[in-house]
Amino acid sequence: MKFTKPKAIYMQIADYISDNILEAKLKEGDRIPSVREMASQVEVNPNTVARTYSYLQEKEVIFNKRGVGYFIAEDAVEKTRALKKDAFLKQYLPDFLKMIKLLDLNLEDIEKLAK
């Protein structure tokens, strides 16, 4: 995994897990790698992964079975989609709309590009 600035590494790992949930690579009830396993896979400190898991658990995307591991929550797809939508609307849409205005694009131009 390659990390980019300025987004925090733990959030980039959370995005990676979230994307896998939305792409159905991880499904409800699936066990995800332990903190140490994930830290080894993405080559970061285990504390960083622990922070990621804490964040995702707080958002009810994953849950912990003590002594067994972390698992994808029952309604993880809906919760993940809601989190991603919120982030998009707050972080990316304002800049996107600004560029549309600056470049004098209209909906027809955007529809053509989307196809």
N, C-alpha and C. Protein backbone atom coordinates (compact mmCIF):
# COMPACT_ATOMS: atom_id res chain seq x y z
N MET A 1 0.84 -1.17 0.00
CA MET A 1 0.00 0.00 0.00
C MET A 1 0.89 1.24 0.00
N LYS A 2 0.58 2.19 -0.87
CA LYS A 2 1.34 3.43 -0.92
C LYS A 2 0.52 4.53 -0.28
N PHE A 3 1.13 5.24 0.64
CA PHE A 3 0.44 6.29 1.37
C PHE A 3 0.79 7.65 0.77
N THR A 4 -0.19 8.54 0.80
CA THR A 4 0.01 9.88 0.27
C THR A 4 -0.33 10.92 1.33
N LYS A 5 0.29 12.06 1.22
CA LYS A 5 -0.02 13.16 2.12
C LYS A 5 -1.16 13.94 1.51
N PRO A 6 -1.92 14.69 2.18
CA PRO A 6 -1.86 15.04 3.59
C PRO A 6 -2.75 14.17 4.48
N LYS A 7 -3.46 13.21 3.91
CA LYS A 7 -4.39 12.39 4.68
C LYS A 7 -3.64 11.46 5.62
N ALA A 8 -4.13 11.36 6.86
CA ALA A 8 -3.50 10.52 7.87
C ALA A 8 -3.46 9.06 7.40
N ILE A 9 -2.38 8.37 7.74
CA ILE A 9 -2.21 6.98 7.31
C ILE A 9 -3.33 6.10 7.83
N TYR A 10 -3.75 6.29 9.08
CA TYR A 10 -4.81 5.43 9.61
C TYR A 10 -6.11 5.61 8.82
N MET A 11 -6.34 6.83 8.30
CA MET A 11 -7.54 7.06 7.50
C MET A 11 -7.40 6.45 6.10
N GLN A 12 -6.19 6.41 5.58
CA GLN A 12 -5.97 5.77 4.29
C GLN A 12 -6.20 4.26 4.40
N ILE A 13 -5.82 3.67 5.52
CA ILE A 13 -6.08 2.25 5.75
C ILE A 13 -7.58 2.03 5.91
N ALA A 14 -8.25 2.93 6.62
CA ALA A 14 -9.71 2.84 6.77
C ALA A 14 -10.39 2.93 5.40
N ASP A 15 -9.89 3.81 4.52
CA ASP A 15 -10.44 3.91 3.16
C ASP A 15 -10.23 2.62 2.38
N TYR A 16 -9.07 2.01 2.56
CA TYR A 16 -8.76 0.74 1.89
C TYR A 16 -9.76 -0.34 2.32
N ILE A 17 -10.00 -0.44 3.61
CA ILE A 17 -10.95 -1.43 4.12
C ILE A 17 -12.36 -1.09 3.64
N SER A 18 -12.71 0.19 3.71
CA SER A 18 -14.04 0.64 3.26
C SER A 18 -14.26 0.34 1.78
N ASP A 19 -13.26 0.59 0.97
CA ASP A 19 -13.37 0.30 -0.47
C ASP A 19 -13.58 -1.19 -0.69
N ASN A 20 -12.89 -2.02 0.06
CA ASN A 20 -13.07 -3.47 -0.07
C ASN A 20 -14.47 -3.91 0.35
N ILE A 21 -15.04 -3.22 1.32
CA ILE A 21 -16.42 -3.51 1.73
C ILE A 21 -17.37 -3.13 0.60
N LEU A 22 -17.21 -1.92 0.05
CA LEU A 22 -18.11 -1.46 -1.01
C LEU A 22 -17.95 -2.25 -2.29
N GLU A 23 -16.77 -2.80 -2.54
CA GLU A 23 -16.53 -3.63 -3.72
C GLU A 23 -16.88 -5.10 -3.48
N ALA A 24 -17.43 -5.39 -2.28
CA ALA A 24 -17.85 -6.73 -1.88
C ALA A 24 -16.69 -7.73 -1.81
N LYS A 25 -15.47 -7.23 -1.63
CA LYS A 25 -14.34 -8.11 -1.38
C LYS A 25 -14.34 -8.55 0.08
N LEU A 26 -14.92 -7.71 0.93
CA LEU A 26 -15.17 -8.04 2.33
C LEU A 26 -16.67 -7.98 2.55
N LYS A 27 -17.21 -9.03 3.13
CA LYS A 27 -18.66 -9.11 3.31
C LYS A 27 -19.01 -9.23 4.79
N GLU A 28 -20.27 -8.98 5.06
CA GLU A 28 -20.80 -9.08 6.42
C GLU A 28 -20.35 -10.38 7.08
N GLY A 29 -19.78 -10.24 8.27
CA GLY A 29 -19.35 -11.40 9.04
C GLY A 29 -17.94 -11.87 8.72
N ASP A 30 -17.32 -11.35 7.66
CA ASP A 30 -15.95 -11.73 7.33
C ASP A 30 -14.99 -11.26 8.41
N ARG A 31 -14.03 -12.10 8.72
CA ARG A 31 -12.97 -11.70 9.65
C ARG A 31 -11.95 -10.91 8.87
N ILE A 32 -11.48 -9.81 9.45
CA ILE A 32 -10.41 -9.03 8.82
C ILE A 32 -9.11 -9.36 9.54
N PRO A 33 -7.98 -9.06 8.91
CA PRO A 33 -6.71 -9.40 9.55
C PRO A 33 -6.57 -8.75 10.93
N SER A 34 -5.84 -9.43 11.80
CA SER A 34 -5.58 -8.88 13.13
C SER A 34 -4.78 -7.58 12.97
N VAL A 35 -4.68 -6.83 14.03
CA VAL A 35 -3.91 -5.59 14.01
C VAL A 35 -2.48 -5.86 13.53
N ARG A 36 -1.86 -6.88 14.11
CA ARG A 36 -0.47 -7.20 13.73
C ARG A 36 -0.37 -7.68 12.29
N GLU A 37 -1.33 -8.51 11.85
CA GLU A 37 -1.32 -8.99 10.47
C GLU A 37 -1.45 -7.83 9.48
N MET A 38 -2.40 -6.94 9.75
CA MET A 38 -2.62 -5.80 8.85
C MET A 38 -1.40 -4.88 8.87
N ALA A 39 -0.83 -4.64 10.05
CA ALA A 39 0.35 -3.79 10.15
C ALA A 39 1.49 -4.36 9.31
N SER A 40 1.64 -5.66 9.34
CA SER A 40 2.68 -6.31 8.56
C SER A 40 2.39 -6.19 7.06
N GLN A 41 1.12 -6.37 6.69
CA GLN A 41 0.73 -6.29 5.27
C GLN A 41 0.97 -4.91 4.68
N VAL A 42 0.61 -3.87 5.42
CA VAL A 42 0.72 -2.51 4.88
C VAL A 42 1.98 -1.79 5.35
N GLU A 43 2.79 -2.50 6.12
CA GLU A 43 4.09 -2.01 6.58
C GLU A 43 4.01 -0.71 7.36
N VAL A 44 3.16 -0.75 8.42
CA VAL A 44 3.04 0.38 9.34
C VAL A 44 3.13 -0.14 10.78
N ASN A 45 3.23 0.77 11.70
CA ASN A 45 3.25 0.44 13.12
C ASN A 45 1.88 -0.14 13.52
N PRO A 46 1.85 -1.18 14.33
CA PRO A 46 0.56 -1.74 14.79
C PRO A 46 -0.35 -0.70 15.46
N ASN A 47 0.24 0.31 16.09
CA ASN A 47 -0.58 1.34 16.72
C ASN A 47 -1.41 2.11 15.68
N THR A 48 -0.87 2.26 14.49
CA THR A 48 -1.60 2.93 13.41
C THR A 48 -2.81 2.11 13.00
N VAL A 49 -2.62 0.81 12.86
CA VAL A 49 -3.74 -0.07 12.50
C VAL A 49 -4.75 -0.12 13.64
N ALA A 50 -4.27 -0.15 14.87
CA ALA A 50 -5.18 -0.13 16.02
C ALA A 50 -6.06 1.11 15.99
N ARG A 51 -5.48 2.23 15.59
CA ARG A 51 -6.25 3.47 15.49
C ARG A 51 -7.29 3.35 14.37
N THR A 52 -6.91 2.75 13.25
CA THR A 52 -7.84 2.51 12.15
C THR A 52 -9.02 1.66 12.62
N TYR A 53 -8.71 0.56 13.28
CA TYR A 53 -9.76 -0.35 13.74
C TYR A 53 -10.65 0.33 14.78
N SER A 54 -10.07 1.13 15.63
CA SER A 54 -10.84 1.87 16.62
C SER A 54 -11.81 2.82 15.93
N TYR A 55 -11.33 3.51 14.91
CA TYR A 55 -12.17 4.43 14.15
C TYR A 55 -13.32 3.68 13.47
N LEU A 56 -13.00 2.58 12.79
CA LEU A 56 -14.03 1.81 12.09
C LEU A 56 -15.02 1.18 13.06
N GLN A 57 -14.54 0.79 14.23
CA GLN A 57 -15.43 0.23 15.24
C GLN A 57 -16.36 1.32 15.80
N GLU A 58 -15.81 2.50 15.99
CA GLU A 58 -16.61 3.64 16.46
C GLU A 58 -17.72 3.98 15.46
N LYS A 59 -17.42 3.83 14.18
CA LYS A 59 -18.39 4.11 13.11
C LYS A 59 -19.29 2.90 12.83
N GLU A 60 -19.10 1.82 13.60
CA GLU A 60 -19.90 0.59 13.52
C GLU A 60 -19.80 -0.12 12.17
N VAL A 61 -18.63 0.01 11.55
CA VAL A 61 -18.36 -0.69 10.30
C VAL A 61 -17.78 -2.08 10.60
N ILE A 62 -17.01 -2.18 11.66
CA ILE A 62 -16.47 -3.46 12.12
C ILE A 62 -16.80 -3.63 13.59
N PHE A 63 -16.66 -4.86 14.07
CA PHE A 63 -16.83 -5.12 15.50
C PHE A 63 -15.79 -6.13 15.95
N ASN A 64 -15.55 -6.14 17.23
CA ASN A 64 -14.52 -7.00 17.81
C ASN A 64 -15.17 -8.09 18.64
N LYS A 65 -14.75 -9.32 18.39
CA LYS A 65 -15.09 -10.44 19.28
C LYS A 65 -13.83 -10.71 20.08
N ARG A 66 -13.89 -10.33 21.33
CA ARG A 66 -12.70 -10.43 22.19
C ARG A 66 -12.08 -11.83 22.11
N GLY A 67 -10.80 -11.84 21.82
CA GLY A 67 -10.06 -13.09 21.74
C GLY A 67 -10.18 -13.80 20.40
N VAL A 68 -11.06 -13.32 19.53
CA VAL A 68 -11.26 -13.96 18.23
C VAL A 68 -10.77 -13.07 17.09
N GLY A 69 -11.13 -11.78 17.14
CA GLY A 69 -10.68 -10.85 16.11
C GLY A 69 -11.74 -9.84 15.73
N TYR A 70 -11.46 -9.14 14.65
CA TYR A 70 -12.36 -8.12 14.12
C TYR A 70 -13.13 -8.67 12.93
N PHE A 71 -14.39 -8.25 12.83
CA PHE A 71 -15.28 -8.74 11.78
C PHE A 71 -16.05 -7.59 11.16
N ILE A 72 -16.49 -7.81 9.92
CA ILE A 72 -17.30 -6.81 9.22
C ILE A 72 -18.70 -6.83 9.81
N ALA A 73 -19.22 -5.67 10.14
CA ALA A 73 -20.53 -5.53 10.77
C ALA A 73 -21.66 -5.86 9.80
N GLU A 74 -22.82 -6.12 10.37
CA GLU A 74 -24.00 -6.52 9.61
C GLU A 74 -24.39 -5.49 8.54
N ASP A 75 -24.42 -4.23 8.89
CA ASP A 75 -24.83 -3.19 7.94
C ASP A 75 -23.65 -2.31 7.52
N ALA A 76 -22.52 -2.95 7.37
CA ALA A 76 -21.28 -2.22 7.04
C ALA A 76 -21.36 -1.51 5.69
N VAL A 77 -22.01 -2.12 4.72
CA VAL A 77 -22.09 -1.50 3.39
C VAL A 77 -22.82 -0.16 3.48
N GLU A 78 -23.96 -0.16 4.14
CA GLU A 78 -24.74 1.08 4.26
C GLU A 78 -23.98 2.14 5.06
N LYS A 79 -23.37 1.73 6.16
CA LYS A 79 -22.64 2.68 7.00
C LYS A 79 -21.40 3.21 6.28
N THR A 80 -20.72 2.33 5.57
CA THR A 80 -19.53 2.75 4.82
C THR A 80 -19.93 3.71 3.71
N ARG A 81 -20.99 3.38 3.00
CA ARG A 81 -21.45 4.25 1.91
C ARG A 81 -21.82 5.63 2.46
N ALA A 82 -22.50 5.66 3.60
CA ALA A 82 -22.88 6.94 4.21
C ALA A 82 -21.65 7.75 4.62
N LEU A 83 -20.65 7.09 5.19
CA LEU A 83 -19.42 7.79 5.56
C LEU A 83 -18.70 8.35 4.33
N LYS A 84 -18.63 7.54 3.28
CA LYS A 84 -17.96 7.97 2.05
C LYS A 84 -18.71 9.12 1.38
N LYS A 85 -20.03 9.05 1.37
CA LYS A 85 -20.83 10.13 0.79
C LYS A 85 -20.59 11.43 1.55
N ASP A 86 -20.62 11.35 2.85
CA ASP A 86 -20.40 12.53 3.68
C ASP A 86 -19.02 13.14 3.40
N ALA A 87 -18.01 12.29 3.34
CA ALA A 87 -16.66 12.77 3.06
C ALA A 87 -16.58 13.41 1.68
N PHE A 88 -17.20 12.78 0.70
CA PHE A 88 -17.20 13.33 -0.66
C PHE A 88 -17.86 14.69 -0.70
N LEU A 89 -19.03 14.79 -0.08
CA LEU A 89 -19.77 16.05 -0.11
C LEU A 89 -19.04 17.18 0.60
N LYS A 90 -18.30 16.85 1.64
CA LYS A 90 -17.58 17.87 2.40
C LYS A 90 -16.20 18.19 1.83
N GLN A 91 -15.49 17.17 1.34
CA GLN A 91 -14.10 17.35 0.95
C GLN A 91 -13.89 17.59 -0.54
N TYR A 92 -14.62 16.87 -1.38
CA TYR A 92 -14.33 16.89 -2.81
C TYR A 92 -15.32 17.69 -3.64
N LEU A 93 -16.58 17.64 -3.30
CA LEU A 93 -17.59 18.31 -4.11
C LEU A 93 -17.39 19.82 -4.20
N PRO A 94 -17.06 20.52 -3.10
CA PRO A 94 -16.84 21.97 -3.24
C PRO A 94 -15.76 22.33 -4.27
N ASP A 95 -14.65 21.61 -4.26
CA ASP A 95 -13.59 21.87 -5.24
C ASP A 95 -14.04 21.51 -6.65
N PHE A 96 -14.78 20.43 -6.77
CA PHE A 96 -15.31 20.00 -8.06
C PHE A 96 -16.24 21.07 -8.63
N LEU A 97 -17.15 21.55 -7.81
CA LEU A 97 -18.09 22.57 -8.26
C LEU A 97 -17.36 23.87 -8.62
N LYS A 98 -16.34 24.20 -7.86
CA LYS A 98 -15.54 25.39 -8.15
C LYS A 98 -14.89 25.27 -9.53
N MET A 99 -14.33 24.09 -9.81
CA MET A 99 -13.68 23.88 -11.10
C MET A 99 -14.68 23.92 -12.25
N ILE A 100 -15.87 23.39 -12.03
CA ILE A 100 -16.92 23.46 -13.06
C ILE A 100 -17.20 24.91 -13.41
N LYS A 101 -17.32 25.72 -12.37
CA LYS A 101 -17.61 27.13 -12.59
C LYS A 101 -16.43 27.83 -13.29
N LEU A 102 -15.22 27.58 -12.81
CA LEU A 102 -14.04 28.23 -13.41
C LEU A 102 -13.84 27.83 -14.87
N LEU A 103 -14.13 26.60 -15.18
CA LEU A 103 -13.93 26.09 -16.53
C LEU A 103 -15.15 26.28 -17.43
N ASP A 104 -16.20 26.86 -16.85
CA ASP A 104 -17.43 27.13 -17.58
C ASP A 104 -18.01 25.86 -18.22
N LEU A 105 -18.02 24.80 -17.43
CA LEU A 105 -18.61 23.54 -17.88
C LEU A 105 -20.09 23.53 -17.54
N ASN A 106 -20.86 22.75 -18.31
CA ASN A 106 -22.28 22.59 -17.98
C ASN A 106 -22.57 21.11 -17.79
N LEU A 107 -23.79 20.79 -17.42
CA LEU A 107 -24.16 19.41 -17.13
C LEU A 107 -23.99 18.51 -18.36
N GLU A 108 -24.26 19.03 -19.53
CA GLU A 108 -24.10 18.24 -20.75
C GLU A 108 -22.63 17.84 -20.95
N ASP A 109 -21.72 18.77 -20.68
CA ASP A 109 -20.29 18.46 -20.80
C ASP A 109 -19.90 17.34 -19.84
N ILE A 110 -20.40 17.44 -18.63
CA ILE A 110 -20.06 16.46 -17.60
C ILE A 110 -20.66 15.09 -17.94
N GLU A 111 -21.89 15.09 -18.43
CA GLU A 111 -22.53 13.84 -18.84
C GLU A 111 -21.75 13.14 -19.95
N LYS A 112 -21.27 13.92 -20.90
CA LYS A 112 -20.46 13.36 -22.01
C LYS A 112 -19.17 12.73 -21.46
N LEU A 113 -18.54 13.43 -20.52
CA LEU A 113 -17.30 12.91 -19.94
C LEU A 113 -17.55 11.66 -19.09
N ALA A 114 -18.68 11.60 -18.43
CA ALA A 114 -19.01 10.47 -17.58
C ALA A 114 -19.27 9.20 -18.38
N LYS A 115 -19.69 9.34 -19.61
CA LYS A 115 -20.00 8.17 -20.45
C LYS A 115 -18.75 7.72 -21.12
